[in-house]
Amino acid sequence: MYDYSTYWMDEGKKPNPIMNKDHAKQEEVLLEQLKKLEFDSVLEFGAGWGRMTRLIKDNFNPRFYTAVDLSRERLKQIDGVNTVVGDVLKDNHFMKADLIIATEMCLHIPPDKIQKAIDNMKKLTNKYVLTIDYYPIKKDEVLSSHCFLHEYLDLYDGNTNNIRIDDFVSLFVWEV
């Protein structure tokens, strides 16, 4: 049985994943979208080893940045921002931020818990929640045991901008 926390704490002990063309496309699309938003503080869930953390920090240099992940080992690889071992599913006591971001995190949260994760992120934002996740056109696809297809438009109450590049790069922006 898949246990979200245990699985990702164990994954955090493994070497960083190899970057591929899909990751590069995610970064390109993210940068394009972030240029349209005004933010001075960031709270990132599922920060992992800091791929998006570095991208945002280097390109926008927000005054405050907190990177959150379940894996202490992965967070050790991130420099220049506040890092916290934490879980989006918990009632966290983080300071609110202008931008809440999660990349490839929501697809790993089981269907019975995803609404809580989305709601927690919405509670913590001053302005925007931005998620990037796998969102295929064919909803009958069988995924790995740690991946779930969610109806993100429904989870955000239809109140989101969806930028769909392909199955691997679907970006959702919810604005307060």
N, C-alpha and C. Protein backbone atom coordinates (compact mmCIF):
# COMPACT_ATOMS: atom_id res chain seq x y z
N MET A 1 0.84 -1.18 0.00
CA MET A 1 0.00 0.00 0.00
C MET A 1 0.89 1.25 0.00
N TYR A 2 0.58 2.18 -0.83
CA TYR A 2 1.36 3.40 -0.99
C TYR A 2 1.14 4.34 0.19
N ASP A 3 2.22 4.70 0.84
CA ASP A 3 2.19 5.69 1.91
C ASP A 3 3.02 6.88 1.44
N TYR A 4 2.34 7.96 1.17
CA TYR A 4 2.93 9.17 0.60
C TYR A 4 4.21 9.60 1.32
N SER A 5 4.15 9.79 2.61
CA SER A 5 5.30 10.29 3.38
C SER A 5 6.47 9.33 3.35
N THR A 6 6.23 8.08 3.64
CA THR A 6 7.30 7.08 3.68
C THR A 6 7.96 6.93 2.32
N TYR A 7 7.15 6.86 1.28
CA TYR A 7 7.68 6.69 -0.07
C TYR A 7 8.66 7.81 -0.41
N TRP A 8 8.28 9.07 -0.17
CA TRP A 8 9.12 10.20 -0.58
C TRP A 8 10.30 10.42 0.35
N MET A 9 10.19 10.03 1.60
CA MET A 9 11.37 10.09 2.47
C MET A 9 12.41 9.08 1.99
N ASP A 10 11.95 7.90 1.56
CA ASP A 10 12.87 6.89 1.01
C ASP A 10 13.46 7.34 -0.32
N GLU A 11 12.63 7.92 -1.19
CA GLU A 11 13.11 8.40 -2.49
C GLU A 11 14.16 9.49 -2.31
N GLY A 12 14.01 10.28 -1.28
CA GLY A 12 14.95 11.36 -1.03
C GLY A 12 16.37 10.90 -0.76
N LYS A 13 16.53 9.64 -0.41
CA LYS A 13 17.86 9.09 -0.14
C LYS A 13 18.56 8.64 -1.42
N LYS A 14 17.83 8.58 -2.53
CA LYS A 14 18.39 8.14 -3.81
C LYS A 14 19.03 9.32 -4.54
N PRO A 15 19.88 9.02 -5.53
CA PRO A 15 20.48 10.11 -6.32
C PRO A 15 19.40 10.95 -7.03
N ASN A 16 19.76 12.19 -7.32
CA ASN A 16 18.84 13.08 -8.02
C ASN A 16 18.47 12.49 -9.38
N PRO A 17 17.25 12.73 -9.83
CA PRO A 17 16.86 12.23 -11.15
C PRO A 17 17.64 12.95 -12.24
N ILE A 18 17.75 12.30 -13.37
CA ILE A 18 18.43 12.89 -14.52
C ILE A 18 17.46 13.83 -15.23
N MET A 19 17.93 15.02 -15.55
CA MET A 19 17.11 15.99 -16.27
C MET A 19 16.85 15.50 -17.68
N ASN A 20 15.65 15.80 -18.19
CA ASN A 20 15.33 15.43 -19.56
C ASN A 20 14.63 16.59 -20.26
N LYS A 21 14.25 16.39 -21.51
CA LYS A 21 13.65 17.47 -22.31
C LYS A 21 12.33 17.95 -21.69
N ASP A 22 11.60 17.05 -21.03
CA ASP A 22 10.35 17.47 -20.39
C ASP A 22 10.61 18.43 -19.24
N HIS A 23 11.66 18.17 -18.49
CA HIS A 23 12.02 19.08 -17.40
C HIS A 23 12.41 20.45 -17.95
N ALA A 24 13.17 20.47 -19.03
CA ALA A 24 13.57 21.74 -19.64
C ALA A 24 12.34 22.51 -20.11
N LYS A 25 11.37 21.81 -20.67
CA LYS A 25 10.14 22.46 -21.13
C LYS A 25 9.35 23.01 -19.94
N GLN A 26 9.29 22.25 -18.86
CA GLN A 26 8.62 22.74 -17.65
C GLN A 26 9.24 24.06 -17.19
N GLU A 27 10.56 24.10 -17.17
CA GLU A 27 11.25 25.30 -16.71
C GLU A 27 10.98 26.49 -17.63
N GLU A 28 10.99 26.24 -18.92
CA GLU A 28 10.72 27.30 -19.90
C GLU A 28 9.32 27.88 -19.70
N VAL A 29 8.33 27.00 -19.58
CA VAL A 29 6.94 27.43 -19.41
C VAL A 29 6.77 28.14 -18.07
N LEU A 30 7.39 27.62 -17.02
CA LEU A 30 7.30 28.25 -15.71
C LEU A 30 7.85 29.67 -15.75
N LEU A 31 9.02 29.84 -16.33
CA LEU A 31 9.61 31.18 -16.40
C LEU A 31 8.71 32.14 -17.16
N GLU A 32 8.13 31.69 -18.26
CA GLU A 32 7.21 32.53 -19.04
C GLU A 32 6.03 32.99 -18.18
N GLN A 33 5.46 32.07 -17.42
CA GLN A 33 4.29 32.39 -16.60
C GLN A 33 4.65 33.27 -15.40
N LEU A 34 5.78 32.99 -14.78
CA LEU A 34 6.16 33.77 -13.60
C LEU A 34 6.46 35.23 -13.96
N LYS A 35 6.91 35.47 -15.18
CA LYS A 35 7.16 36.85 -15.62
C LYS A 35 5.87 37.67 -15.65
N LYS A 36 4.73 37.01 -15.70
CA LYS A 36 3.43 37.68 -15.73
C LYS A 36 2.88 37.97 -14.33
N LEU A 37 3.52 37.41 -13.30
CA LEU A 37 3.02 37.53 -11.94
C LEU A 37 3.91 38.46 -11.11
N GLU A 38 3.30 39.13 -10.15
CA GLU A 38 4.06 39.96 -9.22
C GLU A 38 4.11 39.24 -7.88
N PHE A 39 5.33 38.95 -7.42
CA PHE A 39 5.49 38.26 -6.14
C PHE A 39 6.83 38.62 -5.53
N ASP A 40 6.85 38.61 -4.21
CA ASP A 40 8.07 38.94 -3.47
C ASP A 40 8.41 37.84 -2.46
N SER A 41 7.50 36.88 -2.32
CA SER A 41 7.75 35.78 -1.39
C SER A 41 7.23 34.48 -2.01
N VAL A 42 7.95 33.40 -1.72
CA VAL A 42 7.63 32.09 -2.31
C VAL A 42 7.65 31.03 -1.22
N LEU A 43 6.66 30.16 -1.27
CA LEU A 43 6.61 28.95 -0.44
C LEU A 43 6.46 27.79 -1.42
N GLU A 44 7.48 26.96 -1.48
CA GLU A 44 7.50 25.85 -2.44
C GLU A 44 7.33 24.52 -1.71
N PHE A 45 6.31 23.76 -2.11
CA PHE A 45 6.10 22.42 -1.56
C PHE A 45 6.64 21.39 -2.53
N GLY A 46 7.23 20.32 -1.98
CA GLY A 46 7.81 19.29 -2.83
C GLY A 46 9.05 19.79 -3.53
N ALA A 47 9.86 20.56 -2.82
CA ALA A 47 11.02 21.21 -3.44
C ALA A 47 12.09 20.22 -3.90
N GLY A 48 12.11 19.03 -3.28
CA GLY A 48 13.11 18.03 -3.70
C GLY A 48 14.51 18.57 -3.56
N TRP A 49 15.30 18.39 -4.61
CA TRP A 49 16.70 18.82 -4.59
C TRP A 49 16.88 20.26 -5.08
N GLY A 50 15.78 20.96 -5.35
CA GLY A 50 15.86 22.38 -5.61
C GLY A 50 15.92 22.82 -7.06
N ARG A 51 15.48 21.98 -7.98
CA ARG A 51 15.53 22.34 -9.40
C ARG A 51 14.77 23.65 -9.65
N MET A 52 13.51 23.71 -9.22
CA MET A 52 12.71 24.92 -9.44
C MET A 52 13.08 26.03 -8.45
N THR A 53 13.55 25.64 -7.28
CA THR A 53 13.99 26.62 -6.29
C THR A 53 15.08 27.50 -6.88
N ARG A 54 16.09 26.87 -7.44
CA ARG A 54 17.20 27.61 -8.04
C ARG A 54 16.73 28.45 -9.22
N LEU A 55 15.87 27.88 -10.04
CA LEU A 55 15.37 28.60 -11.21
C LEU A 55 14.65 29.88 -10.80
N ILE A 56 13.78 29.78 -9.81
CA ILE A 56 13.02 30.94 -9.36
C ILE A 56 13.94 31.93 -8.64
N LYS A 57 14.76 31.44 -7.75
CA LYS A 57 15.67 32.30 -7.00
C LYS A 57 16.61 33.06 -7.94
N ASP A 58 17.19 32.38 -8.92
CA ASP A 58 18.14 33.00 -9.83
C ASP A 58 17.49 34.01 -10.77
N ASN A 59 16.25 33.77 -11.16
CA ASN A 59 15.60 34.63 -12.14
C ASN A 59 14.74 35.74 -11.54
N PHE A 60 14.28 35.57 -10.30
CA PHE A 60 13.36 36.55 -9.72
C PHE A 60 13.82 37.10 -8.37
N ASN A 61 14.70 36.39 -7.71
CA ASN A 61 15.27 36.81 -6.43
C ASN A 61 14.24 37.38 -5.45
N PRO A 62 13.24 36.58 -5.09
CA PRO A 62 12.24 37.06 -4.13
C PRO A 62 12.90 37.33 -2.77
N ARG A 63 12.33 38.26 -2.01
CA ARG A 63 12.88 38.60 -0.69
C ARG A 63 12.84 37.43 0.27
N PHE A 64 11.75 36.67 0.22
CA PHE A 64 11.59 35.52 1.12
C PHE A 64 11.31 34.27 0.28
N TYR A 65 11.98 33.20 0.63
CA TYR A 65 11.76 31.93 -0.08
C TYR A 65 11.91 30.80 0.92
N THR A 66 10.88 29.97 1.01
CA THR A 66 10.94 28.78 1.85
C THR A 66 10.67 27.56 0.99
N ALA A 67 11.60 26.61 1.00
CA ALA A 67 11.47 25.36 0.26
C ALA A 67 11.13 24.25 1.26
N VAL A 68 10.04 23.54 0.99
CA VAL A 68 9.54 22.50 1.90
C VAL A 68 9.58 21.15 1.18
N ASP A 69 10.02 20.13 1.87
CA ASP A 69 10.01 18.78 1.32
C ASP A 69 9.95 17.78 2.47
N LEU A 70 9.51 16.59 2.16
CA LEU A 70 9.49 15.51 3.16
C LEU A 70 10.89 14.98 3.46
N SER A 71 11.80 15.14 2.50
CA SER A 71 13.13 14.56 2.61
C SER A 71 14.18 15.56 3.07
N ARG A 72 14.70 15.34 4.25
CA ARG A 72 15.78 16.18 4.77
C ARG A 72 17.02 16.07 3.87
N GLU A 73 17.28 14.87 3.34
CA GLU A 73 18.45 14.66 2.50
C GLU A 73 18.39 15.51 1.24
N ARG A 74 17.22 15.58 0.61
CA ARG A 74 17.09 16.41 -0.60
C ARG A 74 17.24 17.89 -0.27
N LEU A 75 16.66 18.33 0.83
CA LEU A 75 16.73 19.74 1.19
C LEU A 75 18.16 20.19 1.46
N LYS A 76 19.03 19.28 1.87
CA LYS A 76 20.43 19.63 2.13
C LYS A 76 21.14 20.11 0.86
N GLN A 77 20.56 19.83 -0.30
CA GLN A 77 21.17 20.22 -1.56
C GLN A 77 20.77 21.63 -2.00
N ILE A 78 19.92 22.28 -1.23
CA ILE A 78 19.42 23.60 -1.59
C ILE A 78 20.11 24.66 -0.74
N ASP A 79 20.69 25.64 -1.41
CA ASP A 79 21.36 26.74 -0.73
C ASP A 79 20.65 28.06 -0.99
N GLY A 80 20.80 29.00 -0.08
CA GLY A 80 20.36 30.36 -0.31
C GLY A 80 18.91 30.65 0.00
N VAL A 81 18.18 29.66 0.49
CA VAL A 81 16.78 29.87 0.90
C VAL A 81 16.53 29.12 2.20
N ASN A 82 15.45 29.47 2.86
CA ASN A 82 15.04 28.75 4.06
C ASN A 82 14.51 27.38 3.64
N THR A 83 14.95 26.32 4.28
CA THR A 83 14.44 24.98 3.98
C THR A 83 13.79 24.39 5.23
N VAL A 84 12.68 23.67 5.01
CA VAL A 84 11.91 23.10 6.11
C VAL A 84 11.45 21.71 5.73
N VAL A 85 11.68 20.74 6.61
CA VAL A 85 11.09 19.42 6.42
C VAL A 85 9.63 19.55 6.80
N GLY A 86 8.75 19.28 5.86
CA GLY A 86 7.33 19.45 6.11
C GLY A 86 6.49 18.74 5.08
N ASP A 87 5.18 18.79 5.27
CA ASP A 87 4.24 18.04 4.46
C ASP A 87 3.04 18.93 4.14
N VAL A 88 2.72 19.07 2.86
CA VAL A 88 1.59 19.89 2.43
C VAL A 88 0.27 19.39 3.00
N LEU A 89 0.22 18.12 3.40
CA LEU A 89 -1.01 17.54 3.93
C LEU A 89 -1.24 17.87 5.40
N LYS A 90 -0.23 18.37 6.05
CA LYS A 90 -0.36 18.75 7.46
C LYS A 90 -0.86 20.19 7.54
N ASP A 91 -1.46 20.52 8.66
CA ASP A 91 -1.85 21.90 8.88
C ASP A 91 -0.60 22.65 9.32
N ASN A 92 0.14 23.10 8.32
CA ASN A 92 1.42 23.75 8.55
C ASN A 92 1.22 25.16 9.08
N HIS A 93 2.20 25.61 9.79
CA HIS A 93 2.16 26.96 10.35
C HIS A 93 3.20 27.83 9.67
N PHE A 94 3.20 27.78 8.35
CA PHE A 94 4.11 28.60 7.58
C PHE A 94 3.55 30.00 7.45
N MET A 95 4.45 30.96 7.25
CA MET A 95 4.01 32.31 6.91
C MET A 95 3.40 32.26 5.52
N LYS A 96 2.40 33.07 5.31
CA LYS A 96 1.80 33.15 3.98
C LYS A 96 2.83 33.74 3.01
N ALA A 97 2.67 33.38 1.74
CA ALA A 97 3.58 33.87 0.70
C ALA A 97 2.75 34.33 -0.50
N ASP A 98 3.34 35.20 -1.29
CA ASP A 98 2.66 35.67 -2.50
C ASP A 98 2.44 34.52 -3.48
N LEU A 99 3.44 33.66 -3.59
CA LEU A 99 3.40 32.56 -4.55
C LEU A 99 3.62 31.23 -3.83
N ILE A 100 2.66 30.33 -3.98
CA ILE A 100 2.83 28.95 -3.53
C ILE A 100 3.07 28.14 -4.79
N ILE A 101 4.12 27.35 -4.80
CA ILE A 101 4.43 26.56 -5.99
C ILE A 101 4.67 25.11 -5.62
N ALA A 102 4.22 24.23 -6.50
CA ALA A 102 4.47 22.78 -6.34
C ALA A 102 4.64 22.20 -7.73
N THR A 103 5.77 21.57 -7.97
CA THR A 103 6.07 20.98 -9.27
C THR A 103 6.12 19.47 -9.14
N GLU A 104 5.28 18.80 -9.91
CA GLU A 104 5.21 17.33 -9.92
C GLU A 104 5.02 16.78 -8.50
N MET A 105 4.26 17.47 -7.71
CA MET A 105 3.98 17.02 -6.35
C MET A 105 2.56 16.47 -6.24
N CYS A 106 1.60 17.22 -6.77
CA CYS A 106 0.20 16.83 -6.60
C CYS A 106 -0.11 15.46 -7.18
N LEU A 107 0.55 15.09 -8.26
CA LEU A 107 0.26 13.79 -8.85
C LEU A 107 0.68 12.63 -7.95
N HIS A 108 1.46 12.91 -6.93
CA HIS A 108 1.89 11.86 -6.00
C HIS A 108 1.02 11.78 -4.75
N ILE A 109 0.02 12.62 -4.67
CA ILE A 109 -0.86 12.61 -3.51
C ILE A 109 -2.10 11.80 -3.84
N PRO A 110 -2.47 10.83 -3.00
CA PRO A 110 -3.63 9.98 -3.28
C PRO A 110 -4.92 10.80 -3.44
N PRO A 111 -5.84 10.29 -4.24
CA PRO A 111 -7.09 11.01 -4.52
C PRO A 111 -7.88 11.42 -3.27
N ASP A 112 -7.84 10.61 -2.23
CA ASP A 112 -8.60 10.95 -1.03
C ASP A 112 -7.95 12.07 -0.20
N LYS A 113 -6.74 12.49 -0.59
CA LYS A 113 -6.03 13.53 0.15
C LYS A 113 -5.72 14.77 -0.69
N ILE A 114 -5.95 14.71 -1.99
CA ILE A 114 -5.52 15.80 -2.86
C ILE A 114 -6.26 17.10 -2.57
N GLN A 115 -7.54 17.05 -2.26
CA GLN A 115 -8.27 18.30 -2.00
C GLN A 115 -7.70 19.02 -0.78
N LYS A 116 -7.31 18.26 0.23
CA LYS A 116 -6.70 18.87 1.42
C LYS A 116 -5.39 19.57 1.05
N ALA A 117 -4.60 18.95 0.20
CA ALA A 117 -3.34 19.56 -0.23
C ALA A 117 -3.60 20.87 -0.96
N ILE A 118 -4.54 20.86 -1.89
CA ILE A 118 -4.88 22.07 -2.65
C ILE A 118 -5.41 23.15 -1.70
N ASP A 119 -6.31 22.76 -0.81
CA ASP A 119 -6.89 23.72 0.14
C ASP A 119 -5.81 24.32 1.06
N ASN A 120 -4.87 23.49 1.51
CA ASN A 120 -3.79 23.99 2.36
C ASN A 120 -2.94 25.02 1.61
N MET A 121 -2.66 24.74 0.33
CA MET A 121 -1.88 25.70 -0.44
C MET A 121 -2.66 26.99 -0.65
N LYS A 122 -3.95 26.88 -0.90
CA LYS A 122 -4.78 28.08 -1.09
C LYS A 122 -4.83 28.94 0.18
N LYS A 123 -4.84 28.29 1.34
CA LYS A 123 -4.87 29.03 2.61
C LYS A 123 -3.57 29.80 2.84
N LEU A 124 -2.48 29.32 2.29
CA LEU A 124 -1.17 29.90 2.57
C LEU A 124 -0.74 30.98 1.58
N THR A 125 -1.55 31.25 0.56
CA THR A 125 -1.13 32.21 -0.44
C THR A 125 -1.73 33.59 -0.22
N ASN A 126 -0.94 34.60 -0.55
CA ASN A 126 -1.44 35.97 -0.61
C ASN A 126 -1.98 36.28 -2.01
N LYS A 127 -1.44 35.58 -3.02
CA LYS A 127 -1.79 35.91 -4.39
C LYS A 127 -2.06 34.69 -5.29
N TYR A 128 -1.08 33.77 -5.38
CA TYR A 128 -1.16 32.72 -6.39
C TYR A 128 -0.77 31.35 -5.84
N VAL A 129 -1.43 30.33 -6.38
CA VAL A 129 -0.97 28.95 -6.23
C VAL A 129 -0.68 28.47 -7.65
N LEU A 130 0.53 27.99 -7.86
CA LEU A 130 0.94 27.52 -9.18
C LEU A 130 1.42 26.08 -9.04
N THR A 131 0.80 25.19 -9.79
CA THR A 131 1.24 23.79 -9.77
C THR A 131 1.54 23.35 -11.20
N ILE A 132 2.54 22.50 -11.32
CA ILE A 132 2.86 21.87 -12.60
C ILE A 132 2.77 20.37 -12.36
N ASP A 133 1.94 19.72 -13.14
CA ASP A 133 1.75 18.28 -12.96
C ASP A 133 1.46 17.59 -14.28
N TYR A 134 1.61 16.29 -14.22
CA TYR A 134 1.24 15.43 -15.34
C TYR A 134 -0.27 15.42 -15.44
N TYR A 135 -0.79 15.74 -16.62
CA TYR A 135 -2.24 15.86 -16.81
C TYR A 135 -2.58 15.40 -18.22
N PRO A 136 -2.63 14.09 -18.43
CA PRO A 136 -2.81 13.58 -19.80
C PRO A 136 -4.23 13.78 -20.33
N ILE A 137 -4.32 13.84 -21.62
CA ILE A 137 -5.63 13.92 -22.27
C ILE A 137 -6.39 12.61 -22.05
N LYS A 138 -5.69 11.50 -22.20
CA LYS A 138 -6.30 10.18 -21.99
C LYS A 138 -6.31 9.88 -20.50
N LYS A 139 -7.48 9.90 -19.91
CA LYS A 139 -7.59 9.72 -18.46
C LYS A 139 -7.61 8.24 -18.04
N ASP A 140 -7.58 7.32 -19.01
CA ASP A 140 -7.61 5.91 -18.66
C ASP A 140 -6.20 5.31 -18.55
N GLU A 141 -5.20 6.16 -18.61
CA GLU A 141 -3.83 5.70 -18.54
C GLU A 141 -3.53 5.09 -17.17
N VAL A 142 -2.79 4.00 -17.16
CA VAL A 142 -2.38 3.36 -15.92
C VAL A 142 -1.01 3.91 -15.54
N LEU A 143 -0.91 4.45 -14.35
CA LEU A 143 0.34 5.05 -13.90
C LEU A 143 1.00 4.18 -12.85
N SER A 144 2.20 4.56 -12.46
CA SER A 144 2.91 3.87 -11.39
C SER A 144 2.10 3.95 -10.11
N SER A 145 2.40 3.07 -9.17
CA SER A 145 1.61 3.00 -7.93
C SER A 145 1.72 4.26 -7.08
N HIS A 146 2.69 5.12 -7.35
CA HIS A 146 2.85 6.35 -6.58
C HIS A 146 2.39 7.59 -7.35
N CYS A 147 1.66 7.39 -8.44
CA CYS A 147 1.17 8.49 -9.27
C CYS A 147 -0.35 8.39 -9.45
N PHE A 148 -1.00 9.54 -9.43
CA PHE A 148 -2.46 9.58 -9.53
C PHE A 148 -2.88 10.69 -10.47
N LEU A 149 -3.91 10.42 -11.26
CA LEU A 149 -4.47 11.45 -12.13
C LEU A 149 -5.56 12.17 -11.35
N HIS A 150 -5.50 13.48 -11.34
CA HIS A 150 -6.49 14.30 -10.65
C HIS A 150 -7.15 15.25 -11.63
N GLU A 151 -8.36 15.62 -11.33
CA GLU A 151 -9.07 16.63 -12.12
C GLU A 151 -8.78 17.99 -11.50
N TYR A 152 -7.67 18.57 -11.89
CA TYR A 152 -7.21 19.81 -11.27
C TYR A 152 -8.20 20.96 -11.43
N LEU A 153 -8.85 21.04 -12.57
CA LEU A 153 -9.81 22.12 -12.76
C LEU A 153 -10.93 22.03 -11.73
N ASP A 154 -11.38 20.83 -11.41
CA ASP A 154 -12.40 20.65 -10.37
C ASP A 154 -11.84 20.97 -8.98
N LEU A 155 -10.61 20.56 -8.73
CA LEU A 155 -10.00 20.79 -7.42
C LEU A 155 -9.85 22.28 -7.12
N TYR A 156 -9.64 23.06 -8.16
CA TYR A 156 -9.52 24.51 -8.00
C TYR A 156 -10.86 25.20 -8.24
N ASP A 157 -11.93 24.45 -8.22
CA ASP A 157 -13.29 24.99 -8.43
C ASP A 157 -13.43 25.68 -9.78
N GLY A 158 -12.67 25.20 -10.76
CA GLY A 158 -12.75 25.77 -12.10
C GLY A 158 -12.15 27.16 -12.19
N ASN A 159 -11.65 27.67 -11.07
CA ASN A 159 -11.12 29.03 -11.01
C ASN A 159 -9.60 29.01 -11.19
N THR A 160 -9.16 28.58 -12.34
CA THR A 160 -7.72 28.51 -12.59
C THR A 160 -7.43 28.75 -14.06
N ASN A 161 -6.25 29.24 -14.31
CA ASN A 161 -5.76 29.32 -15.68
C ASN A 161 -4.95 28.06 -15.92
N ASN A 162 -5.27 27.34 -16.96
CA ASN A 162 -4.58 26.11 -17.27
C ASN A 162 -3.77 26.32 -18.55
N ILE A 163 -2.48 26.16 -18.44
CA ILE A 163 -1.60 26.25 -19.60
C ILE A 163 -1.14 24.84 -19.89
N ARG A 164 -1.67 24.26 -20.93
CA ARG A 164 -1.36 22.88 -21.26
C ARG A 164 -0.42 22.86 -22.46
N ILE A 165 0.77 22.37 -22.27
CA ILE A 165 1.73 22.25 -23.35
C ILE A 165 1.66 20.85 -23.93
N ASP A 166 1.68 19.88 -23.06
CA ASP A 166 1.53 18.48 -23.44
C ASP A 166 1.18 17.72 -22.17
N ASP A 167 1.14 16.39 -22.23
CA ASP A 167 0.77 15.61 -21.05
C ASP A 167 1.69 15.90 -19.86
N PHE A 168 2.97 16.08 -20.13
CA PHE A 168 3.94 16.23 -19.05
C PHE A 168 4.00 17.65 -18.49
N VAL A 169 3.64 18.62 -19.31
CA VAL A 169 3.72 20.01 -18.88
C VAL A 169 2.34 20.64 -18.90
N SER A 170 1.65 20.56 -17.79
CA SER A 170 0.39 21.26 -17.60
C SER A 170 0.54 22.11 -16.34
N LEU A 171 0.36 23.40 -16.52
CA LEU A 171 0.57 24.34 -15.45
C LEU A 171 -0.78 24.94 -15.07
N PHE A 172 -1.06 24.99 -13.78
CA PHE A 172 -2.31 25.54 -13.28
C PHE A 172 -1.99 26.71 -12.36
N VAL A 173 -2.63 27.85 -12.59
CA VAL A 173 -2.42 29.03 -11.77
C VAL A 173 -3.77 29.42 -11.16
N TRP A 174 -3.84 29.37 -9.83
CA TRP A 174 -5.05 29.80 -9.12
C TRP A 174 -4.70 31.13 -8.47
N GLU A 175 -5.57 32.11 -8.66
CA GLU A 175 -5.32 33.44 -8.14
C GLU A 175 -6.36 33.80 -7.10
N VAL A 176 -5.91 34.43 -6.00
CA VAL A 176 -6.82 34.87 -4.93
C VAL A 176 -7.80 35.87 -5.49
